[in-house]
């Protein structure tokens, strides 16, 4: 499936039932809401998808199910976050076998690989499948920075096509554009820097709060890209207290609670994560309810 790395790509949550199985019915309800709002692709098995808690069989079952439900309307992207090159290569091949249209690829997990090791890891995955790849550049959470020099080396690899820009340095969007033009599509990966990144030239947004607020997220993207900056800014200003839920260690629980508030999900998470309770749940719930009450027309 040919596609452009442009627009809003929801990083979907993985809903569970009370007995800790994947809740495919709730998942599909949210998925259809994303498609109806205008999402240009969906990403499975990221942090929000609780990939570290999913069994491989569950992950691939979710890919197959999503491909079937999407039915070619948008690309289905599977995240790869593996500890070994062998594991990453196997995951890439299986993703392709299950019908995924592309991959999001993290550097090696746990081991703090140097630049040469990281590039060798990326190259092994790129050589293992023809699927287009988006590199996930998040040194804040995963401790490995993919530098401009590393992207320069990857610029000759045709299947490395995009970057999920999560360095938290807004100037990095401009650095990438200055160095490479449109060779790599840039998708903002930090909700609280989304509008800023789009206005600086980012091509897309890998979004988190979109799981609970699909239309508002897509509206901000479309307004920004169509030149209606003031309208985008006003909507983004309203959205920011919600977007800040995406940069907390409990972002999964926070965003799933937001899904409950908007009727698009449940609170069930997989242990060791636990649902919110007590004062923390009240505080987050109040943030969500205040935003819903104040939502612009």
Protein backbone atom coordinates (compact mmCIF):
# COMPACT_ATOMS: atom_id res chain seq x y z
CA UNK A 1 0.00 0.00 0.00
CA UNK A 2 1.49 3.34 -1.10
CA UNK A 3 0.87 6.27 1.23
CA UNK A 4 2.27 9.59 2.39
CA UNK A 5 3.49 10.16 5.93
CA UNK A 6 1.23 13.20 6.28
CA UNK A 7 -1.73 14.09 8.49
CA UNK A 8 -2.83 12.78 11.87
CA UNK A 9 -1.72 9.24 12.79
CA UNK A 10 -3.38 8.15 16.06
CA UNK A 11 -1.21 6.07 18.38
CA UNK A 12 -4.08 3.80 19.38
CA UNK A 13 -4.63 2.44 22.86
CA UNK A 14 -5.26 -1.27 23.36
CA UNK A 15 -8.49 -1.74 25.30
CA UNK A 16 -8.85 -4.74 27.58
CA UNK A 17 -11.79 -6.58 29.09
CA UNK A 18 -12.23 -7.11 32.81
CA UNK A 19 -10.60 -10.54 32.45
CA UNK A 20 -7.51 -9.07 30.72
CA UNK A 21 -8.23 -9.96 27.11
CA UNK A 22 -8.05 -7.55 24.20
CA UNK A 23 -11.44 -5.87 23.85
CA UNK A 24 -11.78 -5.91 20.07
CA UNK A 25 -15.28 -4.46 20.09
CA UNK A 26 -14.22 -1.33 22.00
CA UNK A 27 -11.05 -1.11 19.92
CA UNK A 28 -13.03 -1.10 16.68
CA UNK A 29 -15.46 1.51 18.00
CA UNK A 30 -12.55 3.86 18.68
CA UNK A 31 -10.85 2.94 15.39
CA UNK A 32 -13.94 3.88 13.40
CA UNK A 33 -14.15 7.20 15.25
CA UNK A 34 -10.56 7.95 14.18
CA UNK A 35 -11.32 7.10 10.56
CA UNK A 36 -14.51 9.16 10.55
CA UNK A 37 -12.61 12.15 11.93
CA UNK A 38 -10.08 12.01 9.10
CA UNK A 39 -7.05 10.16 10.47
CA UNK A 40 -4.57 9.37 7.70
CA UNK A 41 -3.19 6.22 9.32
CA UNK A 42 -3.18 4.31 12.61
CA UNK A 43 -0.27 3.11 14.74
CA UNK A 44 -0.45 -0.07 16.81
CA UNK A 45 1.77 -1.28 19.61
CA UNK A 46 3.29 1.98 20.77
CA UNK A 47 3.58 3.13 24.36
CA UNK A 48 -0.12 4.00 24.41
CA UNK A 49 -0.87 0.60 22.95
CA UNK A 50 0.83 -1.02 25.97
CA UNK A 51 3.10 -2.93 23.60
CA UNK A 52 5.51 -3.88 26.37
CA UNK A 53 2.63 -5.72 28.05
CA UNK A 54 1.28 -7.47 24.97
CA UNK A 55 2.22 -10.99 24.00
CA UNK A 56 3.55 -11.27 20.47
CA UNK A 57 0.54 -13.34 19.48
CA UNK A 58 -1.78 -10.61 20.74
CA UNK A 59 0.15 -7.91 18.90
CA UNK A 60 -0.06 -9.70 15.57
CA UNK A 61 -3.69 -10.61 16.10
CA UNK A 62 -4.39 -6.91 16.64
CA UNK A 63 -2.58 -6.03 13.40
CA UNK A 64 -4.58 -8.59 11.42
CA UNK A 65 -7.84 -7.43 12.96
CA UNK A 66 -7.09 -3.76 12.28
CA UNK A 67 -6.10 -4.42 8.67
CA UNK A 68 -9.41 -6.23 8.19
CA UNK A 69 -11.47 -3.45 9.78
CA UNK A 70 -9.65 -0.64 7.97
CA UNK A 71 -10.09 -2.43 4.64
CA UNK A 72 -7.52 -0.37 2.78
CA UNK A 73 -8.82 3.06 3.77
CA UNK A 74 -5.65 4.08 5.62
CA UNK A 75 -2.28 2.46 6.34
CA UNK A 76 -1.87 0.33 9.46
CA UNK A 77 1.54 0.92 11.06
CA UNK A 78 3.05 -1.48 13.60
CA UNK A 79 5.56 -0.27 16.16
CA UNK A 80 8.76 -2.26 16.70
CA UNK A 81 10.40 -1.90 20.11
CA UNK A 82 12.70 -4.87 20.56
CA UNK A 83 15.82 -5.64 22.59
CA UNK A 84 17.62 -7.60 19.88
CA UNK A 85 18.24 -7.17 16.18
CA UNK A 86 17.01 -10.72 15.63
CA UNK A 87 13.76 -9.91 17.40
CA UNK A 88 13.27 -6.67 15.45
CA UNK A 89 13.84 -8.39 12.11
CA UNK A 90 11.38 -11.15 13.01
CA UNK A 91 8.79 -8.57 14.10
CA UNK A 92 9.17 -6.64 10.84
CA UNK A 93 8.66 -9.77 8.75
CA UNK A 94 5.64 -10.85 10.78
CA UNK A 95 4.11 -7.36 10.56
CA UNK A 96 4.36 -7.55 6.79
CA UNK A 97 2.87 -11.05 6.82
CA UNK A 98 -0.08 -9.77 8.89
CA UNK A 99 -0.81 -7.00 6.38
CA UNK A 100 0.78 -3.94 7.98
CA UNK A 101 1.51 -1.14 5.51
CA UNK A 102 4.45 0.32 7.42
CA UNK A 103 6.57 0.25 10.55
CA UNK A 104 7.49 2.63 13.34
CA UNK A 105 10.95 1.67 14.56
CA UNK A 106 12.60 2.48 17.88
CA UNK A 107 16.33 2.08 18.53
CA UNK A 108 17.29 -1.06 20.50
CA UNK A 109 15.56 -1.20 23.86
CA UNK A 110 17.35 -1.41 27.24
CA UNK A 111 20.88 -1.49 25.80
CA UNK A 112 22.23 2.03 25.20
CA UNK A 113 23.56 1.38 21.70
CA UNK A 114 26.02 3.80 20.13
CA UNK A 115 25.45 5.43 16.73
CA UNK A 116 27.08 2.64 14.70
CA UNK A 117 25.18 -0.07 16.57
CA UNK A 118 21.89 1.78 16.21
CA UNK A 119 22.37 2.30 12.47
CA UNK A 120 23.30 -1.35 12.01
CA UNK A 121 20.12 -2.31 13.85
CA UNK A 122 18.01 0.02 11.66
CA UNK A 123 19.67 -1.29 8.49
CA UNK A 124 18.94 -4.90 9.41
CA UNK A 125 15.24 -4.12 9.77
CA UNK A 126 15.16 -2.02 6.60
CA UNK A 127 16.78 -4.88 4.67
CA UNK A 128 14.35 -7.44 6.06
CA UNK A 129 11.17 -5.98 4.55
CA UNK A 130 10.07 -3.56 1.81
CA UNK A 131 7.68 -1.83 4.22
CA UNK A 132 8.22 1.93 4.65
CA UNK A 133 9.68 2.87 8.03
CA UNK A 134 9.30 5.81 10.39
CA UNK A 135 12.18 6.17 12.86
CA UNK A 136 11.02 7.04 16.38
CA UNK A 137 13.48 9.62 17.72
CA UNK A 138 12.80 9.94 21.45
CA UNK A 139 16.01 10.36 23.44
CA UNK A 140 14.11 11.69 26.48
CA UNK A 141 12.33 8.41 27.16
CA UNK A 142 14.58 5.89 25.38
CA UNK A 143 18.04 7.48 25.91
CA UNK A 144 19.28 7.21 22.31
CA UNK A 145 19.37 10.30 20.11
CA UNK A 146 19.17 9.73 16.36
CA UNK A 147 21.37 12.58 15.16
CA UNK A 148 21.37 14.50 11.89
CA UNK A 149 24.52 12.63 10.92
CA UNK A 150 22.74 9.34 11.44
CA UNK A 151 19.83 10.50 9.29
CA UNK A 152 22.34 11.57 6.65
CA UNK A 153 23.59 7.99 6.47
CA UNK A 154 20.03 6.67 6.31
CA UNK A 155 19.11 9.10 3.51
CA UNK A 156 20.36 6.53 0.98
CA UNK A 157 18.06 3.85 2.39
CA UNK A 158 14.79 4.23 0.45
CA UNK A 159 12.47 2.54 2.93
CA UNK A 160 13.47 4.88 5.79
CA UNK A 161 10.96 7.58 4.94
CA UNK A 162 9.89 9.46 8.05
CA UNK A 163 10.70 10.39 11.63
CA UNK A 164 8.51 10.63 14.69
CA UNK A 165 10.13 13.76 16.12
CA UNK A 166 10.05 13.48 19.92
CA UNK A 167 13.32 15.14 20.92
CA UNK A 168 11.33 17.92 22.66
CA UNK A 169 13.54 20.41 20.75
CA UNK A 170 11.23 22.34 18.44
CA UNK A 171 14.23 23.62 16.48
CA UNK A 172 14.97 20.07 15.37
CA UNK A 173 12.10 20.32 12.87
CA UNK A 174 13.89 23.20 11.17
CA UNK A 175 17.27 21.47 11.40
CA UNK A 176 15.85 18.42 9.63
CA UNK A 177 14.22 20.54 6.91
CA UNK A 178 17.36 22.62 6.42
CA UNK A 179 19.54 19.54 6.08
CA UNK A 180 17.27 17.17 4.16
CA UNK A 181 14.37 19.15 2.68
CA UNK A 182 11.49 16.74 2.24
CA UNK A 183 13.66 13.60 2.10
CA UNK A 184 12.25 12.57 5.49
CA UNK A 185 8.66 13.33 6.43
CA UNK A 186 8.52 14.78 9.94
CA UNK A 187 5.67 13.82 12.27
CA UNK A 188 5.45 15.47 15.66
CA UNK A 189 5.42 12.86 18.42
CA UNK A 190 4.84 15.14 21.41
CA UNK A 191 1.26 16.38 21.81
CA UNK A 192 2.29 19.54 23.67
CA UNK A 193 4.48 20.65 20.75
CA UNK A 194 2.12 19.68 17.94
CA UNK A 195 0.90 23.04 16.68
CA UNK A 196 4.36 24.56 17.05
CA UNK A 197 5.85 21.70 15.03
CA UNK A 198 3.21 21.94 12.30
CA UNK A 199 3.75 25.66 11.91
CA UNK A 200 7.50 25.06 11.60
CA UNK A 201 6.90 22.64 8.74
CA UNK A 202 6.20 19.20 10.21
CA UNK A 203 4.17 17.07 7.84
CA UNK A 204 2.12 15.13 10.38
CA UNK A 205 1.24 14.39 13.96
CA UNK A 206 1.50 11.05 15.79
CA UNK A 207 -1.11 11.94 18.37
CA UNK A 208 -2.12 10.57 21.77
CA UNK A 209 -5.14 12.55 23.01
CA UNK A 210 -6.66 11.92 19.61
CA UNK A 211 -7.77 8.61 21.13
CA UNK A 212 -10.33 10.54 23.16
CA UNK A 213 -10.71 13.64 20.96
CA UNK A 214 -10.33 12.57 17.32
CA UNK A 215 -12.18 15.40 15.61
CA UNK A 216 -10.54 18.17 17.61
CA UNK A 217 -7.08 16.77 16.86
CA UNK A 218 -7.72 16.53 13.13
CA UNK A 219 -9.30 19.99 13.13
CA UNK A 220 -6.14 21.54 14.60
CA UNK A 221 -4.01 19.85 11.96
CA UNK A 222 -6.28 20.90 9.10
CA UNK A 223 -6.62 24.48 10.34
CA UNK A 224 -2.86 24.85 10.75
CA UNK A 225 -2.07 23.41 7.32
CA UNK A 226 -4.76 25.46 5.55
CA UNK A 227 -3.39 28.73 6.94
CA UNK A 228 -6.11 29.33 9.53
CA UNK A 229 -3.51 29.79 12.24
CA UNK A 230 -5.55 31.90 14.65
CA UNK A 231 -8.41 29.40 14.63
CA UNK A 232 -5.91 26.56 15.14
CA UNK A 233 -4.24 28.47 17.98
CA UNK A 234 -7.52 29.02 19.82
CA UNK A 235 -8.47 25.34 19.59
CA UNK A 236 -4.96 24.29 20.61
CA UNK A 237 -5.03 26.65 23.58
CA UNK A 238 -8.20 24.97 24.79
CA UNK A 239 -6.66 21.53 24.12
CA UNK A 240 -3.34 22.06 25.92
CA UNK A 241 -4.39 21.01 29.45
CA UNK A 242 -5.54 17.72 27.92
CA UNK A 243 -2.45 17.35 25.76
CA UNK A 244 -0.29 17.60 28.87
CA UNK A 245 -1.76 14.26 29.98
CA UNK A 246 0.35 12.74 27.19
CA UNK A 247 3.71 13.65 28.76
CA UNK A 248 3.22 11.93 32.12
CA UNK A 249 4.51 8.44 33.06
CA UNK A 250 0.87 7.38 33.49
CA UNK A 251 -0.16 8.66 30.07
CA UNK A 252 -1.83 5.32 29.31
CA UNK A 253 -4.12 5.52 32.33
CA UNK A 254 -4.74 9.24 31.82
CA UNK A 255 -5.69 8.92 28.16
CA UNK A 256 -7.80 5.84 28.77
CA UNK A 257 -9.70 7.83 31.41
CA UNK A 258 -10.24 10.55 28.80
CA UNK A 259 -11.58 7.87 26.46
CA UNK A 260 -14.09 6.92 29.14
CA UNK A 261 -15.20 10.53 29.45
CA UNK A 262 -15.83 10.83 25.71
CA UNK A 263 -17.38 7.39 25.34
CA UNK A 264 -14.52 5.95 23.26
CA UNK A 265 -12.90 3.48 25.64
CA UNK A 266 -12.56 1.84 29.04
CA UNK A 267 -10.19 2.19 31.99
CA UNK A 268 -8.84 -1.36 31.95
CA UNK A 269 -5.05 -1.56 31.69
CA UNK A 270 -2.67 -4.49 31.90
CA UNK A 271 -0.62 -5.00 35.07
CA UNK A 272 1.77 -3.82 36.30
CA UNK A 273 -0.21 -0.74 35.28
CA UNK A 274 -3.30 -0.25 37.40
CA UNK A 275 -6.36 1.96 36.88
CA UNK A 276 -6.25 5.35 38.54
CA UNK A 277 -7.83 5.72 41.95
CA UNK A 278 -8.28 8.18 44.80
CA UNK A 279 -7.17 11.80 44.55
CA UNK A 280 -5.15 11.20 41.39
CA UNK A 281 -8.17 9.94 39.49
CA UNK A 282 -10.30 12.82 40.74
CA UNK A 283 -7.66 15.36 39.66
CA UNK A 284 -7.29 13.93 36.16
CA UNK A 285 -11.03 13.45 35.77
CA UNK A 286 -11.61 17.11 36.68
CA UNK A 287 -9.09 18.24 34.06
CA UNK A 288 -10.92 16.20 31.43
CA UNK A 289 -14.39 17.35 32.50
CA UNK A 290 -13.33 21.01 32.61
CA UNK A 291 -12.03 20.71 29.06
CA UNK A 292 -15.22 19.06 27.85
CA UNK A 293 -17.28 21.81 29.48
CA UNK A 294 -15.18 24.58 27.91
CA UNK A 295 -14.78 23.00 24.47
CA UNK A 296 -15.17 25.62 21.73
CA UNK A 297 -18.11 25.31 19.37
